[in-house]
Amino acid sequence: MTITALPEVLACSVCMGTGKDHLDSVAAGYAMLVMLLLIIPILCSIILFIVRIAKRERANFDPSLSDL
């Protein structure tokens, strides 16, 4: 095995595909796009929910109920 053949051993068929002609690489690209389109809005909504709860807690904080 030469050094030039090393990427063929380490990379999967999707990474070493022939671009848009290779059906596996096209399908993997669409799968990644769909997953990003699903995951990013969910993560953003979770972060916004946590920020909203933190702002409400800060606005309605009663120092007499503090543990400190």
Protein backbone atom coordinates (compact mmCIF):
# COMPACT_ATOMS: atom_id res chain seq x y z
CA MET A 1 0.00 0.00 0.00
CA THR A 2 1.37 3.37 -0.93
CA ILE A 3 0.63 6.71 0.66
CA THR A 4 -1.55 7.69 -2.29
CA ALA A 5 -3.84 4.71 -1.63
CA LEU A 6 -4.23 5.56 2.06
CA PRO A 7 -7.25 7.91 1.66
CA GLU A 8 -9.11 5.19 -0.23
CA VAL A 9 -8.72 2.89 2.76
CA LEU A 10 -9.62 5.48 5.39
CA ALA A 11 -12.51 7.20 3.62
CA CYS A 12 -15.94 5.73 3.07
CA SER A 13 -17.52 5.41 -0.35
CA VAL A 14 -19.49 8.62 0.19
CA CYS A 15 -16.37 10.68 0.78
CA MET A 16 -14.52 9.12 -2.12
CA GLY A 17 -17.52 9.24 -4.48
CA THR A 18 -17.34 10.88 -7.87
CA GLY A 19 -19.35 13.94 -6.89
CA LYS A 20 -22.90 14.46 -8.11
CA ASP A 21 -22.83 11.34 -10.30
CA HIS A 22 -22.37 9.12 -7.28
CA LEU A 23 -25.81 8.37 -5.80
CA ASP A 24 -24.51 7.65 -2.29
CA SER A 25 -22.91 11.06 -1.96
CA VAL A 26 -26.07 12.81 -3.21
CA ALA A 27 -28.25 10.90 -0.75
CA ALA A 28 -25.86 11.58 2.12
CA GLY A 29 -25.85 15.28 1.27
CA TYR A 30 -29.64 15.46 1.36
CA ALA A 31 -29.73 13.47 4.61
CA MET A 32 -27.33 15.92 6.26
CA LEU A 33 -29.36 18.86 5.01
CA VAL A 34 -32.60 17.41 6.39
CA MET A 35 -30.99 16.67 9.75
CA LEU A 36 -29.64 20.22 9.98
CA LEU A 37 -33.02 21.66 9.05
CA LEU A 38 -34.56 19.64 11.88
CA ILE A 39 -31.91 20.02 14.58
CA ILE A 40 -31.14 23.75 14.32
CA PRO A 41 -34.72 25.00 14.99
CA ILE A 42 -35.13 22.55 17.86
CA LEU A 43 -31.89 23.66 19.52
CA CYS A 44 -32.77 27.32 19.01
CA SER A 45 -36.19 26.85 20.59
CA ILE A 46 -34.67 25.07 23.60
CA ILE A 47 -32.13 27.87 24.09
CA LEU A 48 -34.80 30.57 23.75
CA PHE A 49 -37.00 28.74 26.26
CA ILE A 50 -34.16 28.60 28.81
CA VAL A 51 -33.39 32.30 28.29
CA ARG A 52 -37.08 33.15 28.71
CA ILE A 53 -37.29 31.21 31.97
CA ALA A 54 -34.10 32.89 33.26
CA LYS A 55 -35.47 36.37 32.46
CA ARG A 56 -38.78 35.63 34.18
CA GLU A 57 -36.99 34.24 37.21
CA ARG A 58 -34.79 37.33 37.44
CA ALA A 59 -37.76 39.68 37.07
CA ASN A 60 -39.84 37.92 39.74
CA PHE A 61 -37.06 37.10 42.19
CA ASP A 62 -37.98 37.45 45.85
CA PRO A 63 -34.83 37.92 47.99
CA SER A 64 -36.61 36.70 51.13
CA LEU A 65 -36.90 33.23 49.55
CA SER A 66 -33.19 33.00 48.74
CA ASP A 67 -31.14 30.21 50.35
CA LEU A 68 -28.17 32.50 50.92
